[in-house]
C-alpha atoms as a PDB file:
ATOM      1  CA  UNK A   1     110.644  38.692 174.785  1.00  0.00           C
ATOM      2  CA  UNK A   2     110.092  35.009 174.687  1.00  0.00           C
ATOM      3  CA  UNK A   3     106.458  35.705 174.767  1.00  0.00           C
ATOM      4  CA  UNK A   4     106.766  37.798 171.914  1.00  0.00           C
ATOM      5  CA  UNK A   5     108.549  35.517 170.065  1.00  0.00           C
ATOM      6  CA  UNK A   6     105.903  32.669 170.771  1.00  0.00           C
ATOM      7  CA  UNK A   7     103.070  35.042 169.778  1.00  0.00           C
ATOM      8  CA  UNK A   8     105.195  35.879 166.460  1.00  0.00           C
ATOM      9  CA  UNK A   9     105.731  32.166 165.729  1.00  0.00           C
ATOM     10  CA  UNK A  10     101.963  31.553 166.525  1.00  0.00           C
ATOM     11  CA  UNK A  11     100.872  34.331 164.135  1.00  0.00           C
ATOM     12  CA  UNK A  12     103.270  33.010 161.422  1.00  0.00           C
ATOM     13  CA  UNK A  13     101.962  29.436 161.995  1.00  0.00           C
ATOM     14  CA  UNK A  14      98.309  30.956 161.770  1.00  0.00           C
ATOM     15  CA  UNK A  15      99.140  32.857 158.774  1.00  0.00           C
ATOM     16  CA  UNK A  16     100.715  29.771 157.043  1.00  0.00           C
ATOM     17  CA  UNK A  17      97.646  27.705 157.943  1.00  0.00           C
ATOM     18  CA  UNK A  18      95.414  30.509 156.612  1.00  0.00           C
ATOM     19  CA  UNK A  19      97.407  30.563 153.504  1.00  0.00           C
ATOM     20  CA  UNK A  20      97.237  26.882 153.154  1.00  0.00           C
ATOM     21  CA  UNK A  21      93.336  27.019 153.825  1.00  0.00           C
ATOM     22  CA  UNK A  22      93.110  29.923 151.164  1.00  0.00           C
ATOM     23  CA  UNK A  23      95.216  27.863 148.635  1.00  0.00           C
ATOM     24  CA  UNK A  24      93.041  24.838 149.247  1.00  0.00           C
ATOM     25  CA  UNK A  25      89.799  26.834 148.897  1.00  0.00           C
ATOM     26  CA  UNK A  26      91.226  28.386 145.660  1.00  0.00           C
ATOM     27  CA  UNK A  27      92.235  25.128 144.254  1.00  0.00           C
ATOM     28  CA  UNK A  28      88.934  23.488 145.145  1.00  0.00           C
ATOM     29  CA  UNK A  29      86.940  26.600 143.696  1.00  0.00           C
ATOM     30  CA  UNK A  30      89.185  26.496 140.659  1.00  0.00           C
ATOM     31  CA  UNK A  31      88.434  22.685 140.335  1.00  0.00           C
ATOM     32  CA  UNK A  32      84.805  23.360 140.676  1.00  0.00           C
ATOM     33  CA  UNK A  33      84.920  26.275 138.094  1.00  0.00           C
ATOM     34  CA  UNK A  34      86.964  24.218 135.633  1.00  0.00           C
ATOM     35  CA  UNK A  35      84.542  21.436 135.904  1.00  0.00           C
ATOM     36  CA  UNK A  36      81.581  23.744 135.596  1.00  0.00           C
ATOM     37  CA  UNK A  37      83.156  25.231 132.389  1.00  0.00           C
ATOM     38  CA  UNK A  38      83.807  21.897 130.897  1.00  0.00           C
ATOM     39  CA  UNK A  39      80.205  20.874 131.660  1.00  0.00           C
ATOM     40  CA  UNK A  40      79.031  24.151 129.924  1.00  0.00           C
ATOM     41  CA  UNK A  41      81.208  23.608 127.020  1.00  0.00           C
ATOM     42  CA  UNK A  42      80.068  20.193 126.663  1.00  0.00           C
ATOM     43  CA  UNK A  43      76.468  20.960 127.010  1.00  0.00           C
ATOM     44  CA  UNK A  44      76.932  23.856 124.276  1.00  0.00           C
ATOM     45  CA  UNK A  45      78.788  21.408 122.153  1.00  0.00           C
ATOM     46  CA  UNK A  46      75.939  18.822 122.510  1.00  0.00           C
ATOM     47  CA  UNK A  47      73.326  21.726 121.830  1.00  0.00           C
ATOM     48  CA  UNK A  48      75.360  22.709 118.720  1.00  0.00           C
ATOM     49  CA  UNK A  49      75.427  19.145 117.411  1.00  0.00           C
ATOM     50  CA  UNK A  50      71.725  18.621 118.145  1.00  0.00           C
ATOM     51  CA  UNK A  51      70.965  22.029 116.372  1.00  0.00           C
ATOM     52  CA  UNK A  52      73.095  20.867 113.452  1.00  0.00           C
ATOM     53  CA  UNK A  53      71.152  17.644 113.171  1.00  0.00           C
ATOM     54  CA  UNK A  54      67.905  19.408 113.261  1.00  0.00           C
ATOM     55  CA  UNK A  55      69.003  21.814 110.718  1.00  0.00           C
ATOM     56  CA  UNK A  56      70.297  19.034 108.450  1.00  0.00           C
ATOM     57  CA  UNK A  57      67.051  17.125 108.800  1.00  0.00           C
ATOM     58  CA  UNK A  58      65.229  20.545 108.121  1.00  0.00           C
ATOM     59  CA  UNK A  59      67.306  21.056 105.110  1.00  0.00           C
ATOM     60  CA  UNK A  60      66.722  17.526 103.946  1.00  0.00           C
ATOM     61  CA  UNK A  61      62.902  17.997 104.287  1.00  0.00           C
ATOM     62  CA  UNK A  62      63.007  21.080 102.300  1.00  0.00           C
ATOM     63  CA  UNK A  63      65.037  19.538  99.508  1.00  0.00           C
ATOM     64  CA  UNK A  64      62.438  16.811  99.568  1.00  0.00           C
ATOM     65  CA  UNK A  65      59.593  18.994  99.463  1.00  0.00           C
ATOM     66  CA  UNK A  66      61.206  21.314  96.719  1.00  0.00           C
ATOM     67  CA  UNK A  67      61.753  18.085  94.673  1.00  0.00           C
ATOM     68  CA  UNK A  68      58.254  17.103  95.129  1.00  0.00           C
ATOM     69  CA  UNK A  69      56.923  20.485  94.081  1.00  0.00           C
ATOM     70  CA  UNK A  70      59.296  20.380  91.053  1.00  0.00           C
ATOM     71  CA  UNK A  71      57.796  16.895  90.239  1.00  0.00           C
ATOM     72  CA  UNK A  72      54.465  18.082  90.644  1.00  0.00           C
ATOM     73  CA  UNK A  73      55.045  21.168  88.443  1.00  0.00           C
ATOM     74  CA  UNK A  74      56.593  19.124  85.838  1.00  0.00           C
ATOM     75  CA  UNK A  75      53.537  16.694  85.948  1.00  0.00           C
ATOM     76  CA  UNK A  76      51.245  19.527  85.948  1.00  0.00           C
ATOM     77  CA  UNK A  77      52.961  21.113  83.031  1.00  0.00           C
ATOM     78  CA  UNK A  78      52.780  17.854  81.045  1.00  0.00           C
ATOM     79  CA  UNK A  79      49.261  17.491  81.532  1.00  0.00           C
ATOM     80  CA  UNK A  80      48.549  21.027  80.446  1.00  0.00           C
ATOM     81  CA  UNK A  81      50.551  20.471  77.512  1.00  0.00           C
ATOM     82  CA  UNK A  82      48.599  17.174  76.843  1.00  0.00           C
ATOM     83  CA  UNK A  83      45.316  19.055  77.514  1.00  0.00           C
ATOM     84  CA  UNK A  84      46.238  21.894  75.154  1.00  0.00           C
ATOM     85  CA  UNK A  85      47.429  19.608  72.458  1.00  0.00           C
ATOM     86  CA  UNK A  86      44.183  17.626  72.765  1.00  0.00           C
ATOM     87  CA  UNK A  87      41.937  20.653  72.538  1.00  0.00           C
ATOM     88  CA  UNK A  88      44.113  22.034  69.633  1.00  0.00           C
ATOM     89  CA  UNK A  89      43.620  18.658  67.726  1.00  0.00           C
ATOM     90  CA  UNK A  90      39.868  18.673  68.553  1.00  0.00           C
ATOM     91  CA  UNK A  91      39.756  22.175  67.292  1.00  0.00           C
ATOM     92  CA  UNK A  92      41.558  21.405  64.095  1.00  0.00           C
ATOM     93  CA  UNK A  93      39.353  18.465  63.554  1.00  0.00           C
ATOM     94  CA  UNK A  94      36.166  20.636  63.906  1.00  0.00           C
ATOM     95  CA  UNK A  95      37.660  23.355  61.769  1.00  0.00           C
ATOM     96  CA  UNK A  96      38.452  20.776  58.969  1.00  0.00           C
ATOM     97  CA  UNK A  97      34.940  19.388  59.347  1.00  0.00           C
ATOM     98  CA  UNK A  98      33.612  22.825  58.967  1.00  0.00           C
ATOM     99  CA  UNK A  99      35.645  23.670  55.998  1.00  0.00           C
ATOM    100  CA  UNK A 100      34.661  20.187  54.277  1.00  0.00           C
ATOM    101  CA  UNK A 101      31.010  20.981  55.204  1.00  0.00           C
ATOM    102  CA  UNK A 102      31.146  24.475  53.823  1.00  0.00           C
ATOM    103  CA  UNK A 103      32.831  23.238  50.636  1.00  0.00           C
ATOM    104  CA  UNK A 104      30.186  20.428  50.280  1.00  0.00           C
ATOM    105  CA  UNK A 105      27.360  22.900  50.910  1.00  0.00           C
ATOM    106  CA  UNK A 106      28.757  25.332  48.119  1.00  0.00           C
ATOM    107  CA  UNK A 107      29.283  22.563  45.848  1.00  0.00           C
ATOM    108  CA  UNK A 108      25.604  21.324  46.279  1.00  0.00           C
ATOM    109  CA  UNK A 109      24.417  25.004  45.775  1.00  0.00           C
ATOM    110  CA  UNK A 110      26.598  25.403  42.621  1.00  0.00           C
ATOM    111  CA  UNK A 111      25.371  21.867  41.697  1.00  0.00           C
ATOM    112  CA  UNK A 112      21.746  22.961  42.069  1.00  0.00           C
ATOM    113  CA  UNK A 113      22.301  26.163  40.207  1.00  0.00           C
ATOM    114  CA  UNK A 114      23.871  24.363  37.312  1.00  0.00           C
ATOM    115  CA  UNK A 115      20.977  21.821  37.228  1.00  0.00           C
ATOM    116  CA  UNK A 116      18.556  24.848  37.232  1.00  0.00           C
ATOM    117  CA  UNK A 117      20.575  26.535  34.439  1.00  0.00           C
ATOM    118  CA  UNK A 118      20.411  23.166  32.615  1.00  0.00           C
ATOM    119  CA  UNK A 119      16.781  22.754  33.129  1.00  0.00           C
ATOM    120  CA  UNK A 120      16.213  26.501  31.994  1.00  0.00           C
ATOM    121  CA  UNK A 121      18.403  25.928  28.808  1.00  0.00           C
ATOM    122  CA  UNK A 122      16.658  22.525  28.206  1.00  0.00           C
ATOM    123  CA  UNK A 123      13.233  24.354  28.463  1.00  0.00           C
ATOM    124  CA  UNK A 124      14.251  26.998  26.218  1.00  0.00           C
ATOM    125  CA  UNK A 125      15.752  24.575  23.615  1.00  0.00           C
ATOM    126  CA  UNK A 126      12.639  22.472  23.646  1.00  0.00           C
ATOM    127  CA  UNK A 127      10.504  25.775  23.199  1.00  0.00           C
ATOM    128  CA  UNK A 128      12.911  26.799  20.348  1.00  0.00           C
ATOM    129  CA  UNK A 129      12.731  23.332  18.903  1.00  0.00           C
ATOM    130  CA  UNK A 130       9.089  23.264  19.232  1.00  0.00           C
ATOM    131  CA  UNK A 131       8.798  26.685  17.267  1.00  0.00           C
ATOM    132  CA  UNK A 132      11.297  25.483  14.704  1.00  0.00           C
ATOM    133  CA  UNK A 133       9.061  22.388  14.367  1.00  0.00           C
ATOM    134  CA  UNK A 134       5.969  24.426  13.965  1.00  0.00           C
ATOM    135  CA  UNK A 135       7.695  26.822  11.518  1.00  0.00           C
ATOM    136  CA  UNK A 136       9.068  23.759   9.624  1.00  0.00           C
ATOM    137  CA  UNK A 137       5.713  22.071   9.793  1.00  0.00           C
ATOM    138  CA  UNK A 138       4.219  25.339   8.184  1.00  0.00           C
ATOM    139  CA  UNK A 139       6.870  25.517   5.503  1.00  0.00           C
ATOM    140  CA  UNK A 140       6.296  21.800   4.745  1.00  0.00           C
ATOM    141  CA  UNK A 141       2.593  22.505   4.459  1.00  0.00           C
ATOM    142  CA  UNK A 142       3.179  25.460   2.256  1.00  0.00           C
ATOM    143  CA  UNK A 143       5.743  23.403   0.181  1.00  0.00           C
ATOM    144  CA  UNK A 144       3.163  20.598  -0.025  1.00  0.00           C
ATOM    145  CA  UNK A 145       0.432  22.925  -1.196  1.00  0.00           C
ATOM    146  CA  UNK A 146       3.032  24.298  -3.709  1.00  0.00           C
ATOM    147  CA  UNK A 147       3.921  20.892  -4.999  1.00  0.00           C
ATOM    148  CA  UNK A 148       0.255  19.807  -5.068  1.00  0.00           C
ATOM    149  CA  UNK A 149      -0.536  22.953  -7.332  1.00  0.00           C
ATOM    150  CA  UNK A 150       2.414  22.041  -9.584  1.00  0.00           C
ATOM    151  CA  UNK A 151       1.194  18.472  -9.914  1.00  0.00           C
ATOM    152  CA  UNK A 152      -2.165  19.715 -10.700  1.00  0.00           C
ATOM    153  CA  UNK A 153      -0.747  22.111 -13.139  1.00  0.00           C
ATOM    154  CA  UNK A 154       1.423  19.457 -14.805  1.00  0.00           C
ATOM    155  CA  UNK A 155      -1.488  17.028 -14.750  1.00  0.00           C
ATOM    156  CA  UNK A 156      -3.453  19.664 -16.799  1.00  0.00           C
ATOM    157  CA  UNK A 157      -0.990  20.036 -19.355  1.00  0.00           C
END
């Protein structure tokens, strides 16, 4: 009976020792797990912070590129506008010169035609004057003859 009681006490003692060991093991494993969990959480937070920094830098670079592209396009548009304006101005100047040259050419042609017409009229008038002079000379000669005959007749009387 004593033996049995001593054995039971020993079993209880062993059971308590085992329970304490288990508690100690569970406590140690829980502490390790908590530490590991905290490290993972910290690592994930650090990775997220790093990722946020990288994303922010990429966003900044993208914004810079977009701004540079916009400035480039604005400059390109301005250059194109200036080029178009220059070409239009040159075209306008050429058209004005062409119009002026065309008008001058037409005026020269008209002037030449008028000179030719005036020359032709002058020649016709000279020809007409010549015929009139010849006709008048003939009449004068005829009148002279008549006058001479009258003078002769009067001298005879």
